[in-house]
Amino acid sequence: MVGAAHRGQRLAVRALRMMTEFAHTTLALPTVILEIEPDNQPSIAVARSAGFHRSSSAPETVTDKGRTYDLHTWEHTLTAADRG
């Protein structure tokens, strides 16, 4: 979450890119996965801007604090070009 005073500076995108790079390079994870509610347009925009793509996986239905909702999976996969 980015506070209102700091929105519009692409902080969320930069943070997600840094965490994704860390996951790929330091942790050697070939794929990084996000789970996002389908109506959460700000999070979807951040995911897309950071290079994530919606996966073909079926949404996962979860119940938390009495609320049931779907989560769509978004992926960022390390490619051969990314490896250098």
N, C-alpha and C. Protein backbone atom coordinates (compact mmCIF):
# COMPACT_ATOMS: atom_id res chain seq x y z
N MET A 1 0.84 -1.17 0.00
CA MET A 1 0.00 0.00 0.00
C MET A 1 0.89 1.23 0.00
N VAL A 2 0.50 2.21 -0.78
CA VAL A 2 1.23 3.47 -0.85
C VAL A 2 0.30 4.56 -0.34
N GLY A 3 0.79 5.34 0.59
CA GLY A 3 -0.02 6.42 1.16
C GLY A 3 -0.40 7.45 0.12
N ALA A 4 -1.53 8.11 0.35
CA ALA A 4 -2.08 9.07 -0.62
C ALA A 4 -1.07 10.16 -1.00
N ALA A 5 -0.29 10.62 -0.06
CA ALA A 5 0.67 11.69 -0.34
C ALA A 5 1.79 11.26 -1.28
N HIS A 6 1.96 9.95 -1.44
CA HIS A 6 3.07 9.43 -2.24
C HIS A 6 2.63 8.73 -3.52
N ARG A 7 1.34 8.73 -3.80
CA ARG A 7 0.84 8.08 -5.00
C ARG A 7 1.23 8.87 -6.24
N GLY A 8 1.28 8.17 -7.37
CA GLY A 8 1.62 8.82 -8.63
C GLY A 8 3.12 8.94 -8.87
N GLN A 9 3.92 8.38 -7.99
CA GLN A 9 5.38 8.44 -8.13
C GLN A 9 5.96 7.10 -8.56
N ARG A 10 5.09 6.15 -8.87
CA ARG A 10 5.47 4.80 -9.31
C ARG A 10 6.26 4.03 -8.25
N LEU A 11 6.04 4.39 -6.97
CA LEU A 11 6.74 3.71 -5.89
C LEU A 11 6.37 2.24 -5.80
N ALA A 12 5.09 1.92 -5.96
CA ALA A 12 4.66 0.52 -5.88
C ALA A 12 5.28 -0.31 -7.00
N VAL A 13 5.32 0.24 -8.21
CA VAL A 13 5.93 -0.48 -9.34
C VAL A 13 7.41 -0.70 -9.09
N ARG A 14 8.11 0.33 -8.63
CA ARG A 14 9.54 0.20 -8.37
C ARG A 14 9.80 -0.82 -7.27
N ALA A 15 8.99 -0.79 -6.22
CA ALA A 15 9.16 -1.75 -5.12
C ALA A 15 8.90 -3.18 -5.60
N LEU A 16 7.84 -3.37 -6.38
CA LEU A 16 7.54 -4.71 -6.89
C LEU A 16 8.64 -5.20 -7.82
N ARG A 17 9.17 -4.34 -8.66
CA ARG A 17 10.28 -4.74 -9.54
C ARG A 17 11.50 -5.17 -8.73
N MET A 18 11.80 -4.41 -7.66
CA MET A 18 12.96 -4.75 -6.82
C MET A 18 12.75 -6.09 -6.12
N MET A 19 11.56 -6.32 -5.58
CA MET A 19 11.28 -7.60 -4.91
C MET A 19 11.30 -8.76 -5.89
N THR A 20 10.81 -8.52 -7.10
CA THR A 20 10.81 -9.55 -8.13
C THR A 20 12.23 -9.89 -8.54
N GLU A 21 13.05 -8.87 -8.73
CA GLU A 21 14.45 -9.11 -9.09
C GLU A 21 15.16 -9.88 -7.98
N PHE A 22 14.91 -9.52 -6.73
CA PHE A 22 15.51 -10.23 -5.60
C PHE A 22 15.08 -11.70 -5.61
N ALA A 23 13.79 -11.94 -5.84
CA ALA A 23 13.29 -13.32 -5.86
C ALA A 23 13.96 -14.13 -6.96
N HIS A 24 14.14 -13.51 -8.13
CA HIS A 24 14.77 -14.21 -9.25
C HIS A 24 16.27 -14.41 -9.04
N THR A 25 16.97 -13.37 -8.64
CA THR A 25 18.43 -13.45 -8.60
C THR A 25 18.98 -14.01 -7.30
N THR A 26 18.48 -13.56 -6.17
CA THR A 26 19.02 -13.99 -4.89
C THR A 26 18.41 -15.31 -4.42
N LEU A 27 17.12 -15.45 -4.58
CA LEU A 27 16.44 -16.66 -4.14
C LEU A 27 16.36 -17.73 -5.22
N ALA A 28 16.74 -17.36 -6.45
CA ALA A 28 16.75 -18.28 -7.60
C ALA A 28 15.36 -18.85 -7.90
N LEU A 29 14.34 -18.05 -7.69
CA LEU A 29 12.98 -18.48 -8.03
C LEU A 29 12.72 -18.19 -9.50
N PRO A 30 12.40 -19.19 -10.30
CA PRO A 30 12.16 -18.94 -11.72
C PRO A 30 10.86 -18.19 -12.00
N THR A 31 9.89 -18.32 -11.08
CA THR A 31 8.60 -17.65 -11.26
C THR A 31 8.19 -16.99 -9.96
N VAL A 32 7.70 -15.75 -10.07
CA VAL A 32 7.15 -15.02 -8.93
C VAL A 32 5.66 -14.89 -9.17
N ILE A 33 4.87 -15.17 -8.15
CA ILE A 33 3.41 -15.19 -8.28
C ILE A 33 2.77 -14.16 -7.37
N LEU A 34 1.80 -13.44 -7.92
CA LEU A 34 0.95 -12.54 -7.16
C LEU A 34 -0.47 -13.07 -7.21
N GLU A 35 -1.24 -12.85 -6.18
CA GLU A 35 -2.66 -13.17 -6.19
C GLU A 35 -3.41 -11.86 -5.95
N ILE A 36 -4.28 -11.51 -6.91
CA ILE A 36 -4.94 -10.21 -6.89
C ILE A 36 -6.43 -10.40 -7.15
N GLU A 37 -7.25 -9.69 -6.39
CA GLU A 37 -8.69 -9.70 -6.64
C GLU A 37 -8.96 -9.07 -8.01
N PRO A 38 -9.90 -9.62 -8.77
CA PRO A 38 -10.13 -9.14 -10.13
C PRO A 38 -10.62 -7.70 -10.24
N ASP A 39 -11.20 -7.16 -9.18
CA ASP A 39 -11.67 -5.77 -9.23
C ASP A 39 -10.69 -4.78 -8.61
N ASN A 40 -9.49 -5.24 -8.25
CA ASN A 40 -8.48 -4.37 -7.66
C ASN A 40 -7.63 -3.77 -8.78
N GLN A 41 -8.19 -2.81 -9.46
CA GLN A 41 -7.53 -2.22 -10.63
C GLN A 41 -6.17 -1.58 -10.31
N PRO A 42 -6.00 -0.88 -9.18
CA PRO A 42 -4.66 -0.34 -8.90
C PRO A 42 -3.59 -1.42 -8.79
N SER A 43 -3.89 -2.53 -8.12
CA SER A 43 -2.91 -3.62 -8.00
C SER A 43 -2.65 -4.28 -9.34
N ILE A 44 -3.68 -4.42 -10.16
CA ILE A 44 -3.51 -4.99 -11.49
C ILE A 44 -2.61 -4.09 -12.33
N ALA A 45 -2.81 -2.79 -12.23
CA ALA A 45 -1.97 -1.84 -12.99
C ALA A 45 -0.52 -1.92 -12.55
N VAL A 46 -0.28 -2.06 -11.25
CA VAL A 46 1.09 -2.19 -10.75
C VAL A 46 1.71 -3.48 -11.27
N ALA A 47 0.96 -4.58 -11.19
CA ALA A 47 1.47 -5.87 -11.67
C ALA A 47 1.84 -5.79 -13.14
N ARG A 48 0.96 -5.24 -13.96
CA ARG A 48 1.25 -5.11 -15.40
C ARG A 48 2.47 -4.23 -15.64
N SER A 49 2.55 -3.13 -14.94
CA SER A 49 3.69 -2.21 -15.13
C SER A 49 5.01 -2.85 -14.73
N ALA A 50 4.96 -3.80 -13.80
CA ALA A 50 6.17 -4.48 -13.34
C ALA A 50 6.49 -5.72 -14.18
N GLY A 51 5.70 -5.96 -15.23
CA GLY A 51 6.00 -7.06 -16.14
C GLY A 51 5.31 -8.38 -15.82
N PHE A 52 4.32 -8.36 -14.95
CA PHE A 52 3.57 -9.57 -14.63
C PHE A 52 2.46 -9.76 -15.65
N HIS A 53 2.07 -11.02 -15.85
CA HIS A 53 0.99 -11.38 -16.77
C HIS A 53 0.02 -12.29 -16.04
N ARG A 54 -1.23 -12.14 -16.36
CA ARG A 54 -2.26 -13.01 -15.76
C ARG A 54 -2.01 -14.44 -16.21
N SER A 55 -2.02 -15.36 -15.27
CA SER A 55 -1.78 -16.76 -15.61
C SER A 55 -3.07 -17.40 -16.11
N SER A 56 -2.94 -18.58 -16.66
CA SER A 56 -4.10 -19.32 -17.15
C SER A 56 -4.74 -20.15 -16.05
N SER A 57 -4.21 -20.09 -14.85
CA SER A 57 -4.76 -20.84 -13.71
C SER A 57 -6.15 -20.32 -13.36
N ALA A 58 -6.98 -21.22 -12.90
CA ALA A 58 -8.31 -20.83 -12.45
C ALA A 58 -8.19 -19.98 -11.17
N PRO A 59 -9.08 -19.03 -10.98
CA PRO A 59 -9.03 -18.23 -9.75
C PRO A 59 -9.19 -19.11 -8.52
N GLU A 60 -8.58 -18.69 -7.44
CA GLU A 60 -8.71 -19.40 -6.17
C GLU A 60 -9.76 -18.66 -5.34
N THR A 61 -10.74 -19.38 -4.84
CA THR A 61 -11.76 -18.79 -3.99
C THR A 61 -11.32 -18.95 -2.54
N VAL A 62 -11.29 -17.83 -1.82
CA VAL A 62 -10.87 -17.84 -0.42
C VAL A 62 -11.94 -17.17 0.44
N THR A 63 -11.95 -17.54 1.70
CA THR A 63 -12.82 -16.89 2.67
C THR A 63 -11.93 -16.39 3.80
N ASP A 64 -12.05 -15.11 4.09
CA ASP A 64 -11.24 -14.48 5.12
C ASP A 64 -12.11 -13.49 5.88
N LYS A 65 -12.15 -13.62 7.18
CA LYS A 65 -12.94 -12.71 8.03
C LYS A 65 -14.38 -12.62 7.57
N GLY A 66 -14.94 -13.76 7.18
CA GLY A 66 -16.34 -13.82 6.79
C GLY A 66 -16.63 -13.34 5.38
N ARG A 67 -15.63 -13.01 4.62
CA ARG A 67 -15.81 -12.54 3.24
C ARG A 67 -15.23 -13.56 2.29
N THR A 68 -16.00 -13.94 1.26
CA THR A 68 -15.55 -14.88 0.25
C THR A 68 -15.28 -14.13 -1.05
N TYR A 69 -14.12 -14.39 -1.64
CA TYR A 69 -13.75 -13.69 -2.88
C TYR A 69 -12.77 -14.54 -3.68
N ASP A 70 -12.60 -14.16 -4.94
CA ASP A 70 -11.67 -14.86 -5.83
C ASP A 70 -10.35 -14.10 -5.91
N LEU A 71 -9.28 -14.85 -6.08
CA LEU A 71 -7.96 -14.28 -6.32
C LEU A 71 -7.44 -14.82 -7.64
N HIS A 72 -7.06 -13.92 -8.54
CA HIS A 72 -6.47 -14.32 -9.80
C HIS A 72 -4.95 -14.34 -9.64
N THR A 73 -4.31 -15.26 -10.34
CA THR A 73 -2.87 -15.42 -10.26
C THR A 73 -2.19 -14.63 -11.38
N TRP A 74 -1.17 -13.89 -11.01
CA TRP A 74 -0.33 -13.13 -11.94
C TRP A 74 1.09 -13.64 -11.79
N GLU A 75 1.81 -13.79 -12.91
CA GLU A 75 3.15 -14.40 -12.88
C GLU A 75 4.19 -13.51 -13.55
N HIS A 76 5.39 -13.62 -13.04
CA HIS A 76 6.56 -13.04 -13.69
C HIS A 76 7.58 -14.17 -13.77
N THR A 77 7.90 -14.60 -14.97
CA THR A 77 8.82 -15.72 -15.16
C THR A 77 10.14 -15.22 -15.71
N LEU A 78 11.20 -15.68 -15.12
CA LEU A 78 12.54 -15.32 -15.57
C LEU A 78 12.80 -16.00 -16.92
N THR A 79 13.14 -15.19 -17.91
CA THR A 79 13.42 -15.73 -19.25
C THR A 79 14.92 -15.90 -19.44
N ALA A 80 15.28 -16.58 -20.49
CA ALA A 80 16.70 -16.76 -20.82
C ALA A 80 17.37 -15.41 -21.04
N ALA A 81 16.67 -14.47 -21.66
CA ALA A 81 17.22 -13.13 -21.90
C ALA A 81 17.48 -12.40 -20.57
N ASP A 82 16.59 -12.61 -19.59
CA ASP A 82 16.75 -11.98 -18.28
C ASP A 82 17.98 -12.52 -17.56
N ARG A 83 18.31 -13.77 -17.82
CA ARG A 83 19.45 -14.40 -17.13
C ARG A 83 20.79 -13.90 -17.64
N GLY A 84 20.75 -13.30 -18.83
CA GLY A 84 21.98 -12.75 -19.39
C GLY A 84 22.68 -13.71 -20.18
